[in-house]
Amino acid sequence: MALTLSYSTPSLMGTIQVPGDKSISHRSIMFGAMAAGITTVEGFLLGDDCLSTISCFRKLGVEINLDGDKVTITSGGESSWEEPAEVLDTGNSGTTTRLMLGLLAGTSFHTVMAGDESIAKRPMKRIIDPLRLMGADIRGRRGGQFTPLAIQGTRLTAIDYTLPVASAQVKSAILLAGLKAEGRTRVTEPVASRDHTEIMLEHFGAAISRNDGTIEIEGGQTLTASHVKVPGDISSAAFMIGAALITPNSSVRLTNVGTNPTRTGILDVIKKMGADFDVEERQVSGEPAADLTIRSSALSGIEIGGDLIPRLIDEIPLIALIATQANGTTVIKDAEELRVKETDRIAAVVSELAKLGADIQATEDGMIIQGPTPLTGGIVKSYGDHRLGMMEAVAALIASSDVIIDNPACISVSYPGFVEQLDSLLN
C-alpha cells in the first residue's frame, strides 16, 4: 500500500526522543544471550530488524521477555544454547545475519540461517572468508557467498586478520568468534568503524585491548549479565535533523541521541555545510549521548569522502536530500559500500530524488548534487529500504505537491512511527 504525503509550507517545532539505537539494540540481545544470568535492557528498538534478532535467540532456547521498550534476557550462557529445530529467519537484518555467523561458528551444533529477498542478495563472502580461516564450517549458495547458510559448529582457532575494507559487521563477527577460539584473535582496521561491539564487550566484562587500529581478544572468556541503557539512534535522528535543517522556520530538539564518535559523521557534515545546531553531551552505558537542537539553516555544498564515509554510511540518502537544498555542488565519493546495502543505494537515491526534480547524478562510488533545487511531488519507490523510505518522507516536507511513497512499511525496520512523529512536529 502506498503512502501519500502532502504538506503546505510547514515548520517543525518541538522535542522528541528518537527510537533506540539499532546497532546497540541488536548487540544487547546477543550479548545478553551469551552471558549467564539475567540481562535487562532499557530503550530497546522495537523495529523489525531487532525483533528478528530476538526471534533467532528464542529459537536457540534463550528466554527473552518484552515489556514495551524494556527487555529481560534470561540465559545460561552460550553453553546452554540448543540446536534450533527451525531455520533462523533474520528477516531484512544484515547485522543479525552477519554477527550471528561469528557467534554460531563456534557452537557444538548445526544451524541454518536465511532472511528475506534483500538479504539473499547481500554478499556474505567477506564475513565467511575470515571465519573459515578460523576453522568455521559454513556453506551456502555460490560457495557460501549468499544465504541460506548452513553453519556446522566446530572448534575455532584465533587469527590475526587485517580487514581489506573498514566494516563493523566483519570486525564484530571475527571478534565474537574469537571469544570461542583457542588463542588470541587480532583484527586490524584500515580506518575506524563503529565500535559498539568493543564497548559492549567491555560492558559485559570481557577483556579486550585496542591500540592503533588493532583490536585483540583472548578466547575462552565468558560474559557477565548486565544492564544496558540504549541511547537514541543517530542514524534515525539524522532524518529529523535533515527535516529541521531544510524546512523553513524550524527548531527541533532531539533528546538522548547516541553520539559515538564512529557514528557522528552526519554532525561533522552538517557543521561543514553551515548548519545551526547545539550539542549537550552525557554518557549512557559506556556510550556517549547528547541532546541535539537543530534549526533550519542556509547550507553550502561540500565534498564528502575518505575516512568520513564509514561514520555516516547509513545517512548518505538523507545527506543527498539535504544537498539538494544547499548552495553549490555537493560531491559524495568513496561510498562503494552503498552498492551492497539493502538495495544499491547510489542508484536508488539518484533515481528517486531525480523523480522529485533534484539535479543529481550517480558516480561509481557516490553521487554529485547541484543545489539549491526546488522539489516537486511525484511517485517514488522505497525499494523496501527503510532509509530510502524515510528520506522520501522528509522530501515531502518541501515538495510543491504530493509525494507518494510505494511500500512505506519498510520504515518500521528501524523507525516505527516515523511519519507520525514527524507529523507531531508540524507547526
Protein backbone atom coordinates (compact mmCIF):
# COMPACT_ATOMS: atom_id res chain seq x y z
CA MET A 1 0.00 0.00 0.00
CA ALA A 2 1.36 3.43 -0.94
CA LEU A 3 1.63 6.41 1.41
CA THR A 4 0.64 9.88 0.19
CA LEU A 5 2.27 12.83 1.98
CA SER A 6 1.28 16.43 1.40
CA TYR A 7 2.47 19.40 3.45
CA SER A 8 1.58 23.06 2.98
CA THR A 9 4.55 25.30 3.89
CA PRO A 10 5.11 23.67 7.30
CA SER A 11 7.60 24.47 10.01
CA LEU A 12 8.76 21.93 12.60
CA MET A 13 8.83 22.73 16.31
CA GLY A 14 9.09 20.60 19.42
CA THR A 15 11.06 17.99 21.38
CA ILE A 16 11.14 14.26 20.63
CA GLN A 17 13.02 11.11 21.63
CA VAL A 18 14.01 9.03 18.62
CA PRO A 19 13.89 5.22 18.91
CA GLY A 20 16.76 3.29 20.45
CA ASP A 21 19.98 2.70 18.57
CA LYS A 22 19.59 -0.25 16.21
CA SER A 23 23.21 -1.42 16.42
CA ILE A 24 23.25 -1.32 20.23
CA SER A 25 19.80 -2.96 20.48
CA HIS A 26 20.95 -5.91 18.34
CA ARG A 27 24.08 -6.36 20.43
CA SER A 28 22.24 -6.07 23.75
CA ILE A 29 20.24 -9.19 22.83
CA MET A 30 23.25 -11.08 21.50
CA PHE A 31 25.48 -10.29 24.48
CA GLY A 32 22.68 -10.90 26.97
CA ALA A 33 22.10 -14.32 25.38
CA MET A 34 25.84 -15.09 25.62
CA ALA A 35 26.04 -14.13 29.30
CA ALA A 36 24.88 -16.42 32.12
CA GLY A 37 22.27 -14.72 34.27
CA ILE A 38 19.64 -12.03 33.78
CA THR A 39 20.37 -9.08 31.49
CA THR A 40 17.99 -6.12 31.37
CA VAL A 41 17.74 -3.60 28.53
CA GLU A 42 16.06 -0.17 28.52
CA GLY A 43 15.24 1.81 25.38
CA PHE A 44 15.31 -1.22 23.09
CA LEU A 45 14.38 -0.52 19.46
CA LEU A 46 11.14 -2.31 18.62
CA GLY A 47 11.99 -2.30 14.91
CA ASP A 48 11.59 -5.32 12.64
CA ASP A 49 15.35 -5.93 12.39
CA CYS A 50 15.88 -6.09 16.15
CA LEU A 51 12.80 -8.25 16.61
CA SER A 52 14.39 -10.68 14.12
CA THR A 53 17.39 -10.95 16.45
CA ILE A 54 15.10 -11.74 19.39
CA SER A 55 13.29 -14.39 17.34
CA CYS A 56 16.58 -16.10 16.43
CA PHE A 57 17.76 -16.33 20.04
CA ARG A 58 14.42 -17.63 21.23
CA LYS A 59 14.85 -20.46 18.73
CA LEU A 60 18.23 -21.14 20.37
CA GLY A 61 16.42 -21.65 23.68
CA VAL A 62 17.11 -18.26 25.27
CA GLU A 63 14.25 -16.79 27.34
CA ILE A 64 13.55 -13.21 26.23
CA ASN A 65 10.63 -11.14 27.54
CA LEU A 66 9.47 -7.81 26.13
CA ASP A 67 7.63 -5.10 28.08
CA GLY A 68 7.39 -2.09 25.80
CA ASP A 69 10.96 -0.99 25.12
CA LYS A 70 12.24 -2.92 28.15
CA VAL A 71 13.72 -6.38 27.59
CA THR A 72 14.69 -9.10 30.06
CA ILE A 73 17.05 -11.84 28.82
CA THR A 74 17.47 -14.94 30.96
CA SER A 75 20.26 -17.22 29.77
CA GLY A 76 22.50 -19.98 30.99
CA GLY A 77 25.23 -18.64 28.72
CA GLU A 78 26.35 -19.89 25.33
CA SER A 79 26.81 -23.42 26.61
CA SER A 80 23.07 -23.61 27.28
CA TRP A 81 22.03 -22.77 23.71
CA GLU A 82 20.11 -25.51 21.93
CA GLU A 83 20.27 -26.67 18.34
CA PRO A 84 17.30 -24.93 16.66
CA ALA A 85 14.62 -27.11 15.14
CA GLU A 86 13.80 -24.39 12.60
CA VAL A 87 15.68 -22.15 10.21
CA LEU A 88 16.78 -18.92 11.91
CA ASP A 89 14.93 -16.21 9.98
CA THR A 90 16.95 -12.98 10.08
CA GLY A 91 14.38 -11.02 8.06
CA ASN A 92 15.90 -7.89 6.49
CA SER A 93 18.69 -7.62 9.04
CA GLY A 94 22.26 -7.74 7.77
CA THR A 95 23.53 -7.17 11.31
CA THR A 96 21.69 -10.21 12.64
CA THR A 97 22.85 -12.39 9.77
CA ARG A 98 26.50 -11.39 9.80
CA LEU A 99 27.16 -11.17 13.53
CA MET A 100 25.39 -14.45 14.20
CA LEU A 101 27.73 -16.18 11.76
CA GLY A 102 30.53 -15.31 14.20
CA LEU A 103 28.51 -16.45 17.19
CA LEU A 104 27.29 -19.73 15.71
CA ALA A 105 30.59 -20.81 14.12
CA GLY A 106 31.98 -21.96 17.48
CA THR A 107 28.93 -23.82 18.81
CA SER A 108 28.57 -27.59 19.09
CA PHE A 109 25.54 -27.86 16.80
CA HIS A 110 24.14 -27.26 13.31
CA THR A 111 22.19 -24.15 12.29
CA VAL A 112 20.65 -22.82 9.09
CA MET A 113 20.09 -19.07 8.58
CA ALA A 114 18.07 -17.31 5.93
CA GLY A 115 16.46 -13.91 5.50
CA ASP A 116 14.21 -12.06 3.08
CA GLU A 117 14.78 -11.41 -0.63
CA SER A 118 17.05 -8.46 0.12
CA ILE A 119 19.29 -10.47 2.46
CA ALA A 120 19.51 -13.23 -0.16
CA LYS A 121 21.24 -10.72 -2.47
CA ARG A 122 23.66 -9.29 0.08
CA PRO A 123 27.26 -10.60 -0.02
CA MET A 124 28.48 -12.73 2.87
CA LYS A 125 31.89 -13.73 1.48
CA ARG A 126 33.81 -11.01 3.33
CA ILE A 127 32.44 -12.39 6.62
CA ILE A 128 32.80 -16.06 5.78
CA ASP A 129 36.37 -15.90 4.45
CA PRO A 130 37.98 -14.85 7.78
CA LEU A 131 35.70 -17.16 9.75
CA ARG A 132 36.81 -20.07 7.57
CA LEU A 133 40.42 -19.12 8.32
CA MET A 134 39.46 -19.70 11.97
CA GLY A 135 38.15 -23.17 11.05
CA ALA A 136 34.45 -22.36 10.64
CA ASP A 137 32.32 -24.78 8.59
CA ILE A 138 29.87 -22.55 6.72
CA ARG A 139 28.17 -23.49 3.46
CA GLY A 140 25.62 -21.83 1.24
CA ARG A 141 24.75 -20.65 -2.23
CA ARG A 142 27.67 -19.93 -4.56
CA GLY A 143 30.23 -21.34 -2.17
CA GLY A 144 28.73 -19.64 0.84
CA GLN A 145 28.54 -16.16 -0.65
CA PHE A 146 24.76 -15.86 -0.20
CA THR A 147 22.02 -17.07 2.14
CA PRO A 148 20.59 -19.51 3.04
CA LEU A 149 23.69 -20.50 5.01
CA ALA A 150 24.31 -23.72 6.94
CA ILE A 151 26.69 -23.49 9.92
CA GLN A 152 28.12 -26.62 11.48
CA GLY A 153 29.61 -25.52 14.77
CA THR A 154 33.21 -26.53 15.30
CA ARG A 155 36.37 -25.72 17.26
CA LEU A 156 37.89 -22.42 16.18
CA THR A 157 41.46 -21.13 16.20
CA ALA A 158 42.44 -17.50 16.68
CA ILE A 159 43.65 -15.47 13.69
CA ASP A 160 45.47 -12.22 13.01
CA TYR A 161 43.34 -10.52 10.36
CA THR A 162 43.58 -7.19 8.54
CA LEU A 163 40.29 -6.00 7.12
CA PRO A 164 40.58 -5.06 3.43
CA VAL A 165 37.75 -2.53 3.94
CA ALA A 166 36.53 -0.98 7.18
CA SER A 167 33.40 -2.83 8.30
CA ALA A 168 31.92 -3.00 11.79
CA GLN A 169 29.96 -6.13 10.87
CA VAL A 170 33.01 -8.07 9.66
CA LYS A 171 35.10 -6.91 12.61
CA SER A 172 32.34 -7.85 15.06
CA ALA A 173 31.78 -11.31 13.58
CA ILE A 174 35.50 -12.10 13.92
CA LEU A 175 35.70 -10.77 17.50
CA LEU A 176 32.62 -12.75 18.56
CA ALA A 177 34.07 -15.90 17.00
CA GLY A 178 37.32 -15.02 18.76
CA LEU A 179 35.61 -15.37 22.13
CA LYS A 180 35.19 -19.09 21.36
CA ALA A 181 38.54 -19.58 19.60
CA GLU A 182 41.75 -21.02 21.01
CA GLY A 183 44.32 -18.28 21.31
CA ARG A 184 44.31 -14.51 20.87
CA THR A 185 42.42 -13.04 17.92
CA ARG A 186 43.60 -9.75 16.41
CA VAL A 187 41.64 -7.59 13.97
CA THR A 188 43.20 -4.56 12.29
CA GLU A 189 41.09 -1.91 10.54
CA PRO A 190 42.26 0.41 7.75
CA VAL A 191 40.11 3.17 9.32
CA ALA A 192 37.95 3.12 12.43
CA SER A 193 34.45 1.66 12.04
CA ARG A 194 31.64 1.57 14.61
CA ASP A 195 32.96 0.26 17.94
CA HIS A 196 29.68 -0.69 19.65
CA THR A 197 30.84 -4.32 19.85
CA GLU A 198 34.06 -3.39 21.64
CA ILE A 199 32.25 -1.08 24.09
CA MET A 200 29.61 -3.69 24.87
CA LEU A 201 32.16 -6.49 25.26
CA GLU A 202 33.81 -4.42 27.98
CA HIS A 203 30.41 -3.57 29.49
CA PHE A 204 29.69 -7.32 29.81
CA GLY A 205 33.05 -7.95 31.44
CA ALA A 206 35.26 -9.14 28.58
CA ALA A 207 38.91 -8.10 28.46
CA ILE A 208 39.90 -6.62 25.10
CA SER A 209 42.67 -4.29 24.00
CA ARG A 210 42.54 -1.55 21.38
CA ASN A 211 45.66 0.09 20.04
CA ASP A 212 46.39 1.93 16.77
CA GLY A 213 43.53 0.34 14.86
CA THR A 214 44.10 -3.21 16.16
CA ILE A 215 41.60 -4.91 18.47
CA GLU A 216 42.66 -8.04 20.38
CA ILE A 217 40.56 -10.53 22.32
CA GLU A 218 41.54 -13.73 24.13
CA GLY A 219 39.46 -16.83 23.53
CA GLY A 220 37.72 -18.73 26.30
CA GLN A 221 36.25 -15.70 28.08
CA THR A 222 32.69 -15.72 29.39
CA LEU A 223 30.43 -12.70 29.73
CA THR A 224 28.61 -11.46 32.82
CA ALA A 225 24.93 -10.48 32.67
CA SER A 226 24.47 -6.73 32.79
CA HIS A 227 22.06 -3.79 32.43
CA VAL A 228 22.08 -1.86 29.15
CA LYS A 229 20.50 1.53 28.56
CA VAL A 230 20.18 2.14 24.83
CA PRO A 231 20.55 5.75 23.60
CA GLY A 232 18.58 7.04 20.63
CA ASP A 233 19.84 6.00 17.20
CA ILE A 234 21.74 8.81 15.47
CA SER A 235 21.06 7.17 12.09
CA SER A 236 17.34 7.60 12.82
CA ALA A 237 17.85 11.04 14.36
CA ALA A 238 19.57 12.08 11.13
CA PHE A 239 16.22 12.15 9.33
CA MET A 240 14.75 14.51 11.93
CA ILE A 241 17.95 16.56 11.77
CA GLY A 242 17.61 16.83 8.00
CA ALA A 243 13.92 17.68 8.26
CA ALA A 244 14.62 20.57 10.63
CA LEU A 245 17.52 21.87 8.52
CA ILE A 246 15.63 22.10 5.22
CA THR A 247 12.16 23.06 6.49
CA PRO A 248 11.95 26.87 6.93
CA ASN A 249 11.47 28.42 10.40
CA SER A 250 12.08 25.14 12.23
CA SER A 251 13.70 24.28 15.57
CA VAL A 252 13.69 20.66 16.81
CA ARG A 253 15.21 19.23 19.99
CA LEU A 254 16.22 15.55 19.97
CA THR A 255 16.91 14.08 23.41
CA ASN A 256 19.32 11.29 24.42
CA VAL A 257 20.80 10.64 20.96
CA GLY A 258 23.83 8.35 20.78
CA THR A 259 26.91 10.33 19.73
CA ASN A 260 29.53 7.60 19.48
CA PRO A 261 32.37 9.28 17.52
CA THR A 262 32.37 6.42 15.00
CA ARG A 263 28.77 7.39 14.13
CA THR A 264 28.74 11.20 14.21
CA GLY A 265 29.84 11.84 10.65
CA ILE A 266 26.40 13.36 10.00
CA LEU A 267 27.11 16.08 12.58
CA ASP A 268 30.52 16.80 11.03
CA VAL A 269 28.92 17.10 7.59
CA ILE A 270 26.12 19.46 8.56
CA LYS A 271 28.57 21.61 10.56
CA LYS A 272 30.77 21.90 7.48
CA MET A 273 27.69 22.79 5.41
CA GLY A 274 26.91 25.65 7.80
CA ALA A 275 24.12 24.15 9.94
CA ASP A 276 22.91 25.91 13.09
CA PHE A 277 22.76 23.35 15.94
CA ASP A 278 23.68 22.76 19.59
CA VAL A 279 25.00 19.63 21.35
CA GLU A 280 24.64 18.88 25.11
CA GLU A 281 26.66 15.76 25.98
CA ARG A 282 26.37 12.91 28.53
CA GLN A 283 27.20 9.15 28.91
CA VAL A 284 24.79 6.17 28.67
CA SER A 285 26.03 2.61 29.45
CA GLY A 286 29.53 3.46 28.31
CA GLU A 287 28.28 5.15 25.13
CA PRO A 288 28.40 8.92 24.58
CA ALA A 289 25.00 10.56 24.11
CA ALA A 290 23.62 14.08 23.77
CA ASP A 291 20.60 16.31 23.41
CA LEU A 292 20.66 17.98 19.98
CA THR A 293 18.84 21.16 18.97
CA ILE A 294 18.65 21.68 15.20
CA ARG A 295 17.45 24.83 13.47
CA SER A 296 16.65 25.50 9.81
CA SER A 297 19.79 26.79 8.13
CA ALA A 298 21.28 28.21 4.97
CA LEU A 299 23.61 25.43 3.78
CA SER A 300 26.54 25.19 1.35
CA GLY A 301 27.60 22.29 -0.84
CA ILE A 302 30.74 20.39 0.22
CA GLU A 303 32.84 17.34 -0.71
CA ILE A 304 32.32 14.22 1.43
CA GLY A 305 34.64 11.21 1.25
CA GLY A 306 37.60 9.34 2.72
CA ASP A 307 37.65 8.39 6.41
CA LEU A 308 34.35 10.22 6.96
CA ILE A 309 32.30 7.71 4.92
CA PRO A 310 32.30 4.78 7.42
CA ARG A 311 31.00 7.23 10.06
CA LEU A 312 27.91 8.20 8.04
CA ILE A 313 27.29 5.40 5.54
CA ASP A 314 23.64 4.93 6.59
CA GLU A 315 22.93 8.66 6.48
CA ILE A 316 24.02 9.27 2.88
CA PRO A 317 20.48 9.07 1.40
CA LEU A 318 19.44 11.84 3.81
CA ILE A 319 22.61 13.85 3.12
CA ALA A 320 21.85 13.68 -0.60
CA LEU A 321 18.42 15.19 0.07
CA ILE A 322 19.92 17.95 2.25
CA ALA A 323 22.39 18.70 -0.55
CA THR A 324 19.55 19.41 -2.98
CA GLN A 325 18.76 22.45 -0.81
CA ALA A 326 22.36 23.62 -0.30
CA ASN A 327 24.03 26.36 -2.32
CA GLY A 328 26.53 24.92 -4.81
CA THR A 329 27.84 21.45 -5.55
CA THR A 330 27.98 18.54 -3.12
CA VAL A 331 30.20 15.59 -4.07
CA ILE A 332 29.87 12.26 -2.25
CA LYS A 333 32.69 9.81 -3.04
CA ASP A 334 34.39 6.67 -1.65
CA ALA A 335 30.94 5.25 -0.82
CA GLU A 336 31.05 2.00 -2.85
CA GLU A 337 29.62 0.24 0.23
CA LEU A 338 26.24 1.76 -0.69
CA ARG A 339 26.09 -0.55 -3.71
CA VAL A 340 25.63 -3.57 -1.40
CA LYS A 341 23.24 -2.21 1.21
CA GLU A 342 19.54 -3.17 1.40
CA THR A 343 19.47 -2.06 -2.22
CA ASP A 344 22.00 -0.32 -4.47
CA ARG A 345 21.54 2.91 -2.57
CA ILE A 346 23.56 5.01 -5.01
CA ALA A 347 21.32 4.08 -7.93
CA ALA A 348 18.14 4.22 -5.84
CA VAL A 349 18.82 7.62 -4.24
CA VAL A 350 19.73 9.20 -7.57
CA SER A 351 16.70 7.70 -9.32
CA GLU A 352 14.13 8.72 -6.72
CA LEU A 353 15.44 12.23 -5.99
CA ALA A 354 15.63 12.89 -9.73
CA LYS A 355 11.92 12.00 -9.96
CA LEU A 356 11.27 14.80 -7.47
CA GLY A 357 13.23 17.32 -9.52
CA ALA A 358 16.69 17.08 -7.97
CA ASP A 359 19.79 17.85 -10.06
CA ILE A 360 21.70 14.70 -9.14
CA GLN A 361 23.90 12.19 -10.95
CA ALA A 362 25.46 8.90 -9.92
CA THR A 363 29.15 8.09 -9.98
CA GLU A 364 30.77 4.70 -9.46
CA ASP A 365 31.42 5.43 -5.77
CA GLY A 366 28.87 8.10 -4.93
CA MET A 367 26.94 11.00 -6.42
CA ILE A 368 27.10 14.67 -7.39
CA ILE A 369 24.28 17.02 -6.38
CA GLN A 370 23.71 20.60 -7.53
CA GLY A 371 21.63 22.93 -5.38
CA PRO A 372 19.51 24.58 -4.36
CA THR A 373 16.75 22.94 -6.41
CA PRO A 374 13.01 23.15 -5.71
CA LEU A 375 11.48 19.69 -5.31
CA THR A 376 8.24 18.71 -6.98
CA GLY A 377 5.92 15.91 -5.96
CA GLY A 378 5.68 12.52 -7.61
CA ILE A 379 5.52 8.78 -7.14
CA VAL A 380 8.69 7.33 -5.63
CA LYS A 381 9.84 3.83 -4.66
CA SER A 382 11.30 2.82 -1.33
CA TYR A 383 12.80 -0.39 -2.80
CA GLY A 384 11.90 -1.94 0.55
CA ASP A 385 14.78 0.09 2.06
CA HIS A 386 13.91 1.92 5.30
CA ARG A 387 16.50 4.67 4.75
CA LEU A 388 15.06 5.44 1.30
CA GLY A 389 11.51 5.49 2.65
CA MET A 390 12.39 7.96 5.42
CA MET A 391 14.37 10.19 3.06
CA GLU A 392 11.36 10.38 0.73
CA ALA A 393 9.05 11.26 3.63
CA VAL A 394 11.35 14.12 4.62
CA ALA A 395 11.47 15.30 0.99
CA ALA A 396 7.68 15.62 1.08
CA LEU A 397 8.04 18.45 3.63
CA ILE A 398 9.46 20.77 0.96
CA ALA A 399 7.91 19.31 -2.21
CA SER A 400 5.45 21.52 -4.13
CA SER A 401 2.86 18.74 -4.43
CA ASP A 402 2.05 15.25 -3.11
CA VAL A 403 4.85 12.72 -2.62
CA ILE A 404 3.52 9.17 -2.95
CA ILE A 405 5.81 6.51 -1.44
CA ASP A 406 5.47 2.93 -2.66
CA ASN A 407 5.94 0.30 0.10
CA PRO A 408 6.38 2.64 3.09
CA ALA A 409 6.01 -0.26 5.55
CA CYS A 410 9.77 -0.87 5.33
CA ILE A 411 10.33 2.23 7.50
CA SER A 412 9.37 0.15 10.55
CA VAL A 413 12.63 -1.81 10.14
CA SER A 414 14.43 0.93 12.09
CA TYR A 415 11.92 3.66 12.96
CA PRO A 416 8.40 2.51 13.86
CA GLY A 417 6.05 5.52 13.92
CA PHE A 418 8.44 7.76 11.99
CA VAL A 419 5.82 9.55 9.90
CA GLU A 420 3.55 10.02 12.90
CA GLN A 421 6.42 11.52 14.94
CA LEU A 422 7.34 13.80 12.04
CA ASP A 423 3.71 14.94 11.84
CA SER A 424 3.73 15.67 15.59
CA LEU A 425 6.36 18.38 14.99
CA LEU A 426 4.29 20.24 12.40
CA ASN A 427 3.59 23.78 13.45
